[in-house]
């Protein structure tokens, strides 16, 4: 799958991500978890925030690579875990096509799987998500963006004043 499949873009700021993760935590606060398994790399930051909000101190990772920037390629499992997920919270930032989610579900079939954002193809594979987005939407996460100067609108339209 290539980048040209994306017709929409959704930019998530650090503040928005934090608000969304906290909203997801409100749905999880009544549950007790042995620990958290974060799907790297995208799940690391939501996992850290959720660990703080739910006061969970045991965090592990499943390391899977399936994207090169906006191009989805083959699935490479770089690190798994040695349990079936019973009593664990499994976290990712996004479930997209479900390719990664299926692999992780096979590894951790008993984990409670949550994502902050979900697309229709992957949504049935997670137990909970906060926000559903269109399948053709590329989500731009804050860790992939930098701060840059933006010219005032008048200078963009008229050109710089002398």
Foldseek 3Di string as FASTA:
>chain_A
DALVLAPAEAEAAPVNLLVLLVVVLVVVQVAAAQAEEAEPDQRPVSRVSSCVVNVHDDYHYWYWDQDDVRDGHDIDGPDADDDQQARYEYEGAEFAQQPVLVVNCVRRVRHQYEYAEYEPNNVVSHNYYRYYDYNNYHYHYNVNDDDDDDDPPCCVVVNDDD
